[in-house]
Amino acid sequence: MKVLIVYAHESPASFNAAAKDAAVAALTAQGCTVEVSDLYAMKFKAAATTEDITGGLKDAENFCYAKEIKLASEEGRLAEDLKKEQEKLKEADLVIFQFPMYWSSVPAIMKGWMDRVLGFAYAQEKWYSEGIFKDKKAMLSFTTDCPESVYSDTGINGDINVILCQVTFSGFVKRTSLIFYNMLFAAQSEYRVIVGELITILGSRNESCQRPHRTLKSCHLCQ
């Protein structure tokens, strides 16, 4: 199986970095081929603009990103960074999005990856179960700085599974998310235990066990 990890955290000392490294190790041990798109290290451009399209626009006066990116994709006129990411995506059987939750969503740089790299998928007018990625799986693995109760269906922020359902729009089959609550307040000892559990979870082929929830105390680690 080929796996693409789309990773968005700037600090190599973060829990997200450790989770990404643990995923690479566990999946490689299973015999998977794993590739990582480290968005901050790549200095990935987040803004979806006319610069994503080469060879001119079809309708510059009434610019519509979705229409223009669809045409550019069909005609091979995409910017080089988009071509590279889309090739990774086309090769992958499973895509893992590893990130810290910001404002009940993904970080801006990852949202930019979705806008730009998945833009051609949005323009196909084939969505959800008919989407062009319906034969691929996607998993969200992320940290929050709030306890689990905040993200329940009765919590102040709402059901976390509804908030982050956008990956299914283009057809991905969404695997159970790995959610690490309250990680901003994790102690180093708890951090090491959780990374160990993560390796065990990713090493298992039983998807029913793939949702560790944590409500942690004390303050040390950057999520």
C-alpha atoms as a PDB file:
ATOM      1  CA  MET A   1       0.000   0.000   0.000  1.00  0.00           C
ATOM      2  CA  LYS A   2       1.196   3.521  -0.815  1.00  0.00           C
ATOM      3  CA  VAL A   3       0.633   6.161   1.837  1.00  0.00           C
ATOM      4  CA  LEU A   4       0.898   9.937   1.578  1.00  0.00           C
ATOM      5  CA  ILE A   5       1.188  11.911   4.818  1.00  0.00           C
ATOM      6  CA  VAL A   6       0.316  15.584   4.442  1.00  0.00           C
ATOM      7  CA  TYR A   7       1.966  17.149   7.470  1.00  0.00           C
ATOM      8  CA  ALA A   8       1.487  20.686   8.821  1.00  0.00           C
ATOM      9  CA  HIS A   9       3.519  21.709  11.862  1.00  0.00           C
ATOM     10  CA  GLU A  10       6.562  23.939  11.896  1.00  0.00           C
ATOM     11  CA  SER A  11       8.235  22.562  15.021  1.00  0.00           C
ATOM     12  CA  PRO A  12      10.192  19.275  14.937  1.00  0.00           C
ATOM     13  CA  ALA A  13       9.762  19.148  18.739  1.00  0.00           C
ATOM     14  CA  SER A  14       5.959  19.069  18.546  1.00  0.00           C
ATOM     15  CA  PHE A  15       3.700  16.118  19.265  1.00  0.00           C
ATOM     16  CA  ASN A  16       2.495  16.328  15.663  1.00  0.00           C
ATOM     17  CA  ALA A  17       6.075  15.788  14.458  1.00  0.00           C
ATOM     18  CA  ALA A  18       6.406  12.756  16.734  1.00  0.00           C
ATOM     19  CA  ALA A  19       3.045  11.412  15.517  1.00  0.00           C
ATOM     20  CA  LYS A  20       4.149  11.820  11.904  1.00  0.00           C
ATOM     21  CA  ASP A  21       7.437  10.023  12.577  1.00  0.00           C
ATOM     22  CA  ALA A  22       5.601   7.245  14.426  1.00  0.00           C
ATOM     23  CA  ALA A  23       3.211   6.804  11.504  1.00  0.00           C
ATOM     24  CA  VAL A  24       6.092   6.562   9.032  1.00  0.00           C
ATOM     25  CA  ALA A  25       7.823   3.938  11.196  1.00  0.00           C
ATOM     26  CA  ALA A  26       4.699   1.851  11.848  1.00  0.00           C
ATOM     27  CA  LEU A  27       3.469   1.879   8.256  1.00  0.00           C
ATOM     28  CA  THR A  28       6.923   1.192   6.810  1.00  0.00           C
ATOM     29  CA  ALA A  29       7.209  -1.786   9.152  1.00  0.00           C
ATOM     30  CA  GLN A  30       3.956  -3.104   7.630  1.00  0.00           C
ATOM     31  CA  GLY A  31       5.548  -2.963   4.190  1.00  0.00           C
ATOM     32  CA  CYS A  32       3.849   0.245   3.069  1.00  0.00           C
ATOM     33  CA  THR A  33       5.585   2.818   0.893  1.00  0.00           C
ATOM     34  CA  VAL A  34       5.293   6.129   2.741  1.00  0.00           C
ATOM     35  CA  GLU A  35       5.862   9.627   1.380  1.00  0.00           C
ATOM     36  CA  VAL A  36       5.579  12.831   3.437  1.00  0.00           C
ATOM     37  CA  SER A  37       4.615  16.272   2.185  1.00  0.00           C
ATOM     38  CA  ASP A  38       6.030  18.513   4.940  1.00  0.00           C
ATOM     39  CA  LEU A  39       4.202  21.702   4.027  1.00  0.00           C
ATOM     40  CA  TYR A  40       6.188  24.143   6.177  1.00  0.00           C
ATOM     41  CA  ALA A  41       9.522  22.673   5.109  1.00  0.00           C
ATOM     42  CA  MET A  42       8.360  22.903   1.493  1.00  0.00           C
ATOM     43  CA  LYS A  43       7.216  26.503   2.038  1.00  0.00           C
ATOM     44  CA  PHE A  44       4.025  25.454   0.314  1.00  0.00           C
ATOM     45  CA  LYS A  45       2.018  28.367  -1.088  1.00  0.00           C
ATOM     46  CA  ALA A  46      -1.373  28.424   0.584  1.00  0.00           C
ATOM     47  CA  ALA A  47      -3.197  30.978  -1.574  1.00  0.00           C
ATOM     48  CA  ALA A  48      -5.147  29.685  -4.580  1.00  0.00           C
ATOM     49  CA  THR A  49      -4.374  32.274  -7.288  1.00  0.00           C
ATOM     50  CA  THR A  50      -3.887  32.731 -11.027  1.00  0.00           C
ATOM     51  CA  GLU A  51      -0.229  31.770 -10.448  1.00  0.00           C
ATOM     52  CA  ASP A  52      -1.403  28.154 -10.201  1.00  0.00           C
ATOM     53  CA  ILE A  53      -2.211  28.195 -13.914  1.00  0.00           C
ATOM     54  CA  THR A  54       0.320  28.500 -16.739  1.00  0.00           C
ATOM     55  CA  GLY A  55      -0.295  29.493 -20.337  1.00  0.00           C
ATOM     56  CA  GLY A  56      -2.912  32.135 -19.703  1.00  0.00           C
ATOM     57  CA  LEU A  57      -6.520  32.144 -18.511  1.00  0.00           C
ATOM     58  CA  LYS A  58      -9.555  31.216 -20.557  1.00  0.00           C
ATOM     59  CA  ASP A  59     -11.680  33.978 -19.041  1.00  0.00           C
ATOM     60  CA  ALA A  60      -9.443  36.471 -17.244  1.00  0.00           C
ATOM     61  CA  GLU A  61     -12.176  39.097 -16.970  1.00  0.00           C
ATOM     62  CA  ASN A  62     -14.512  36.774 -15.068  1.00  0.00           C
ATOM     63  CA  PHE A  63     -11.911  34.673 -13.280  1.00  0.00           C
ATOM     64  CA  CYS A  64     -13.294  31.567 -11.575  1.00  0.00           C
ATOM     65  CA  TYR A  65     -10.612  29.479  -9.880  1.00  0.00           C
ATOM     66  CA  ALA A  66     -12.560  26.201 -10.000  1.00  0.00           C
ATOM     67  CA  LYS A  67     -13.275  26.451 -13.737  1.00  0.00           C
ATOM     68  CA  GLU A  68      -9.789  27.620 -14.673  1.00  0.00           C
ATOM     69  CA  ILE A  69      -8.021  24.993 -12.543  1.00  0.00           C
ATOM     70  CA  LYS A  70     -10.179  22.239 -14.092  1.00  0.00           C
ATOM     71  CA  LEU A  71      -9.206  23.332 -17.597  1.00  0.00           C
ATOM     72  CA  ALA A  72      -5.562  23.777 -16.652  1.00  0.00           C
ATOM     73  CA  SER A  73      -5.505  20.290 -15.119  1.00  0.00           C
ATOM     74  CA  GLU A  74      -7.009  18.718 -18.233  1.00  0.00           C
ATOM     75  CA  GLU A  75      -4.559  20.574 -20.480  1.00  0.00           C
ATOM     76  CA  GLY A  76      -1.443  20.050 -18.331  1.00  0.00           C
ATOM     77  CA  ARG A  77      -1.052  23.742 -17.501  1.00  0.00           C
ATOM     78  CA  LEU A  78      -0.689  23.575 -13.723  1.00  0.00           C
ATOM     79  CA  ALA A  79       2.133  25.110 -11.675  1.00  0.00           C
ATOM     80  CA  GLU A  80       4.951  22.679 -10.937  1.00  0.00           C
ATOM     81  CA  ASP A  81       4.268  22.429  -7.187  1.00  0.00           C
ATOM     82  CA  LEU A  82       0.683  21.379  -7.904  1.00  0.00           C
ATOM     83  CA  LYS A  83       1.755  18.788 -10.456  1.00  0.00           C
ATOM     84  CA  LYS A  84       4.127  17.219  -7.928  1.00  0.00           C
ATOM     85  CA  GLU A  85       1.524  17.057  -5.156  1.00  0.00           C
ATOM     86  CA  GLN A  86      -1.173  15.714  -7.465  1.00  0.00           C
ATOM     87  CA  GLU A  87       1.175  12.973  -8.657  1.00  0.00           C
ATOM     88  CA  LYS A  88       1.775  11.952  -5.035  1.00  0.00           C
ATOM     89  CA  LEU A  89      -1.962  11.960  -4.471  1.00  0.00           C
ATOM     90  CA  LYS A  90      -2.717   9.865  -7.537  1.00  0.00           C
ATOM     91  CA  GLU A  91      -0.184   7.232  -6.424  1.00  0.00           C
ATOM     92  CA  ALA A  92      -1.473   7.022  -2.831  1.00  0.00           C
ATOM     93  CA  ASP A  93      -3.954   4.438  -1.582  1.00  0.00           C
ATOM     94  CA  LEU A  94      -4.231   6.167   1.794  1.00  0.00           C
ATOM     95  CA  VAL A  95      -3.752   9.854   2.638  1.00  0.00           C
ATOM     96  CA  ILE A  96      -3.104  10.843   6.266  1.00  0.00           C
ATOM     97  CA  PHE A  97      -3.532  14.474   7.264  1.00  0.00           C
ATOM     98  CA  GLN A  98      -1.399  15.214  10.345  1.00  0.00           C
ATOM     99  CA  PHE A  99      -1.971  18.621  11.956  1.00  0.00           C
ATOM    100  CA  PRO A 100      -2.870  20.677  15.022  1.00  0.00           C
ATOM    101  CA  MET A 101      -6.446  21.953  14.993  1.00  0.00           C
ATOM    102  CA  TYR A 102      -6.588  25.743  14.556  1.00  0.00           C
ATOM    103  CA  TRP A 103      -9.884  27.584  15.002  1.00  0.00           C
ATOM    104  CA  SER A 104     -11.847  24.326  14.681  1.00  0.00           C
ATOM    105  CA  SER A 105     -10.206  23.606  11.329  1.00  0.00           C
ATOM    106  CA  VAL A 106      -6.909  22.694   9.697  1.00  0.00           C
ATOM    107  CA  PRO A 107      -3.976  25.180   9.660  1.00  0.00           C
ATOM    108  CA  ALA A 108      -4.031  27.720   6.813  1.00  0.00           C
ATOM    109  CA  ILE A 109      -1.148  26.038   4.999  1.00  0.00           C
ATOM    110  CA  MET A 110      -3.003  22.706   4.948  1.00  0.00           C
ATOM    111  CA  LYS A 111      -6.248  24.391   3.899  1.00  0.00           C
ATOM    112  CA  GLY A 112      -4.218  25.896   1.046  1.00  0.00           C
ATOM    113  CA  TRP A 113      -3.003  22.411   0.097  1.00  0.00           C
ATOM    114  CA  MET A 114      -6.606  21.216  -0.023  1.00  0.00           C
ATOM    115  CA  ASP A 115      -7.768  24.257  -2.000  1.00  0.00           C
ATOM    116  CA  ARG A 116      -4.986  24.028  -4.560  1.00  0.00           C
ATOM    117  CA  VAL A 117      -4.181  20.319  -4.843  1.00  0.00           C
ATOM    118  CA  LEU A 118      -7.787  19.100  -4.572  1.00  0.00           C
ATOM    119  CA  GLY A 119      -9.144  22.029  -6.578  1.00  0.00           C
ATOM    120  CA  PHE A 120      -9.378  20.028  -9.781  1.00  0.00           C
ATOM    121  CA  ALA A 121     -11.377  17.351  -7.932  1.00  0.00           C
ATOM    122  CA  TYR A 122     -13.892  19.924  -6.714  1.00  0.00           C
ATOM    123  CA  ALA A 123     -14.435  21.108 -10.294  1.00  0.00           C
ATOM    124  CA  GLN A 124     -15.320  17.644 -11.633  1.00  0.00           C
ATOM    125  CA  GLU A 125     -18.926  17.883 -10.411  1.00  0.00           C
ATOM    126  CA  LYS A 126     -18.574  14.390  -8.949  1.00  0.00           C
ATOM    127  CA  TRP A 127     -18.731  14.566  -5.181  1.00  0.00           C
ATOM    128  CA  TYR A 128     -18.881  12.368  -2.069  1.00  0.00           C
ATOM    129  CA  SER A 129     -19.580   8.725  -3.053  1.00  0.00           C
ATOM    130  CA  GLU A 130     -19.129   9.613  -6.739  1.00  0.00           C
ATOM    131  CA  GLY A 131     -16.002  11.719  -6.190  1.00  0.00           C
ATOM    132  CA  ILE A 132     -12.852  11.032  -8.181  1.00  0.00           C
ATOM    133  CA  PHE A 133     -11.054   9.747  -5.071  1.00  0.00           C
ATOM    134  CA  LYS A 134     -13.745   7.221  -4.134  1.00  0.00           C
ATOM    135  CA  ASP A 135     -11.186   4.394  -4.363  1.00  0.00           C
ATOM    136  CA  LYS A 136      -8.813   6.075  -1.904  1.00  0.00           C
ATOM    137  CA  LYS A 137      -8.896   6.267   1.875  1.00  0.00           C
ATOM    138  CA  ALA A 138      -8.174   9.302   4.022  1.00  0.00           C
ATOM    139  CA  MET A 139      -7.450   9.627   7.732  1.00  0.00           C
ATOM    140  CA  LEU A 140      -7.259  12.695   9.968  1.00  0.00           C
ATOM    141  CA  SER A 141      -4.675  12.549  12.760  1.00  0.00           C
ATOM    142  CA  PHE A 142      -4.621  15.726  14.804  1.00  0.00           C
ATOM    143  CA  THR A 143      -4.250  17.450  18.141  1.00  0.00           C
ATOM    144  CA  THR A 144      -6.477  19.923  19.951  1.00  0.00           C
ATOM    145  CA  ASP A 145      -5.812  22.267  22.854  1.00  0.00           C
ATOM    146  CA  CYS A 146      -9.253  21.623  24.364  1.00  0.00           C
ATOM    147  CA  PRO A 147     -10.816  18.644  26.156  1.00  0.00           C
ATOM    148  CA  GLU A 148     -13.028  16.144  24.375  1.00  0.00           C
ATOM    149  CA  SER A 149     -16.208  17.484  26.002  1.00  0.00           C
ATOM    150  CA  VAL A 150     -15.864  20.748  24.064  1.00  0.00           C
ATOM    151  CA  TYR A 151     -16.164  18.864  20.758  1.00  0.00           C
ATOM    152  CA  SER A 152     -19.124  16.603  21.523  1.00  0.00           C
ATOM    153  CA  ASP A 153     -22.495  16.965  19.804  1.00  0.00           C
ATOM    154  CA  THR A 154     -23.634  18.925  22.863  1.00  0.00           C
ATOM    155  CA  GLY A 155     -20.304  20.734  23.413  1.00  0.00           C
ATOM    156  CA  ILE A 156     -19.756  24.427  22.831  1.00  0.00           C
ATOM    157  CA  ASN A 157     -17.741  23.829  19.629  1.00  0.00           C
ATOM    158  CA  GLY A 158     -20.022  21.131  18.210  1.00  0.00           C
ATOM    159  CA  ASP A 159     -19.401  17.589  16.997  1.00  0.00           C
ATOM    160  CA  ILE A 160     -15.785  17.301  15.858  1.00  0.00           C
ATOM    161  CA  ASN A 161     -16.718  14.708  13.229  1.00  0.00           C
ATOM    162  CA  VAL A 162     -19.031  17.212  11.532  1.00  0.00           C
ATOM    163  CA  ILE A 163     -16.532  20.078  11.763  1.00  0.00           C
ATOM    164  CA  LEU A 164     -13.830  18.132   9.914  1.00  0.00           C
ATOM    165  CA  CYS A 165     -15.794  16.184   7.316  1.00  0.00           C
ATOM    166  CA  GLN A 166     -14.484  18.084   4.268  1.00  0.00           C
ATOM    167  CA  VAL A 167     -12.130  15.337   3.069  1.00  0.00           C
ATOM    168  CA  THR A 168     -15.091  13.196   2.049  1.00  0.00           C
ATOM    169  CA  PHE A 169     -16.304  15.853  -0.409  1.00  0.00           C
ATOM    170  CA  SER A 170     -14.007  14.704  -3.204  1.00  0.00           C
ATOM    171  CA  GLY A 171     -14.802  11.040  -2.620  1.00  0.00           C
ATOM    172  CA  PHE A 172     -12.260   9.858  -0.051  1.00  0.00           C
ATOM    173  CA  VAL A 173     -13.417   7.006   2.158  1.00  0.00           C
ATOM    174  CA  LYS A 174     -12.726   8.442   5.605  1.00  0.00           C
ATOM    175  CA  ARG A 175     -11.111   6.095   8.098  1.00  0.00           C
ATOM    176  CA  THR A 176     -11.647   6.630  11.805  1.00  0.00           C
ATOM    177  CA  SER A 177      -9.784   9.728  12.955  1.00  0.00           C
ATOM    178  CA  LEU A 178      -6.913   9.745  15.443  1.00  0.00           C
ATOM    179  CA  ILE A 179      -7.787  12.605  17.774  1.00  0.00           C
ATOM    180  CA  PHE A 180      -5.481  13.705  20.576  1.00  0.00           C
ATOM    181  CA  TYR A 181      -7.345  16.058  22.878  1.00  0.00           C
ATOM    182  CA  ASN A 182      -5.792  18.665  25.178  1.00  0.00           C
ATOM    183  CA  MET A 183      -2.281  18.065  23.855  1.00  0.00           C
ATOM    184  CA  LEU A 184      -1.194  21.614  24.601  1.00  0.00           C
ATOM    185  CA  PHE A 185      -1.250  20.550  28.246  1.00  0.00           C
ATOM    186  CA  ALA A 186       0.491  17.185  27.914  1.00  0.00           C
ATOM    187  CA  ALA A 187       3.393  16.342  30.200  1.00  0.00           C
ATOM    188  CA  GLN A 188       6.508  14.722  28.715  1.00  0.00           C
ATOM    189  CA  SER A 189       5.788  11.397  30.446  1.00  0.00           C
ATOM    190  CA  GLU A 190       2.263  11.289  28.982  1.00  0.00           C
ATOM    191  CA  TYR A 191       3.635  12.313  25.597  1.00  0.00           C
ATOM    192  CA  ARG A 192       5.956   9.297  25.391  1.00  0.00           C
ATOM    193  CA  VAL A 193       3.164   6.892  26.381  1.00  0.00           C
ATOM    194  CA  ILE A 194       0.799   8.279  23.747  1.00  0.00           C
ATOM    195  CA  VAL A 195       3.406   8.042  20.970  1.00  0.00           C
ATOM    196  CA  GLY A 196       3.901   4.398  21.935  1.00  0.00           C
ATOM    197  CA  GLU A 197       0.156   3.790  21.755  1.00  0.00           C
ATOM    198  CA  LEU A 198       0.009   5.518  18.379  1.00  0.00           C
ATOM    199  CA  ILE A 199       2.631   3.153  16.950  1.00  0.00           C
ATOM    200  CA  THR A 200       0.605   0.185  18.224  1.00  0.00           C
ATOM    201  CA  ILE A 201      -2.620   1.572  16.725  1.00  0.00           C
ATOM    202  CA  LEU A 202      -1.115   2.291  13.312  1.00  0.00           C
ATOM    203  CA  GLY A 203       0.509  -1.126  13.334  1.00  0.00           C
ATOM    204  CA  SER A 204      -2.898  -2.740  13.720  1.00  0.00           C
ATOM    205  CA  ARG A 205      -5.143  -3.510  10.760  1.00  0.00           C
ATOM    206  CA  ASN A 206      -8.220  -3.393  13.005  1.00  0.00           C
ATOM    207  CA  GLU A 207      -9.811  -0.040  12.147  1.00  0.00           C
ATOM    208  CA  SER A 208     -12.255  -0.278  15.028  1.00  0.00           C
ATOM    209  CA  CYS A 209      -9.443   0.547  17.458  1.00  0.00           C
ATOM    210  CA  GLN A 210      -8.214   3.620  15.623  1.00  0.00           C
ATOM    211  CA  ARG A 211      -9.568   6.456  17.685  1.00  0.00           C
ATOM    212  CA  PRO A 212      -7.533   7.240  20.808  1.00  0.00           C
ATOM    213  CA  HIS A 213      -9.076  10.025  22.848  1.00  0.00           C
ATOM    214  CA  ARG A 214      -7.019  11.816  25.474  1.00  0.00           C
ATOM    215  CA  THR A 215      -7.843  14.403  28.097  1.00  0.00           C
ATOM    216  CA  LEU A 216      -4.488  15.369  29.573  1.00  0.00           C
ATOM    217  CA  LYS A 217      -3.311  17.630  32.371  1.00  0.00           C
ATOM    218  CA  SER A 218      -0.223  19.728  33.192  1.00  0.00           C
ATOM    219  CA  CYS A 219       1.598  21.966  30.749  1.00  0.00           C
ATOM    220  CA  HIS A 220       4.823  21.442  28.827  1.00  0.00           C
ATOM    221  CA  LEU A 221       4.548  20.345  25.236  1.00  0.00           C
ATOM    222  CA  CYS A 222       3.755  22.258  22.058  1.00  0.00           C
ATOM    223  CA  GLN A 223       0.941  20.421  20.271  1.00  0.00           C
END
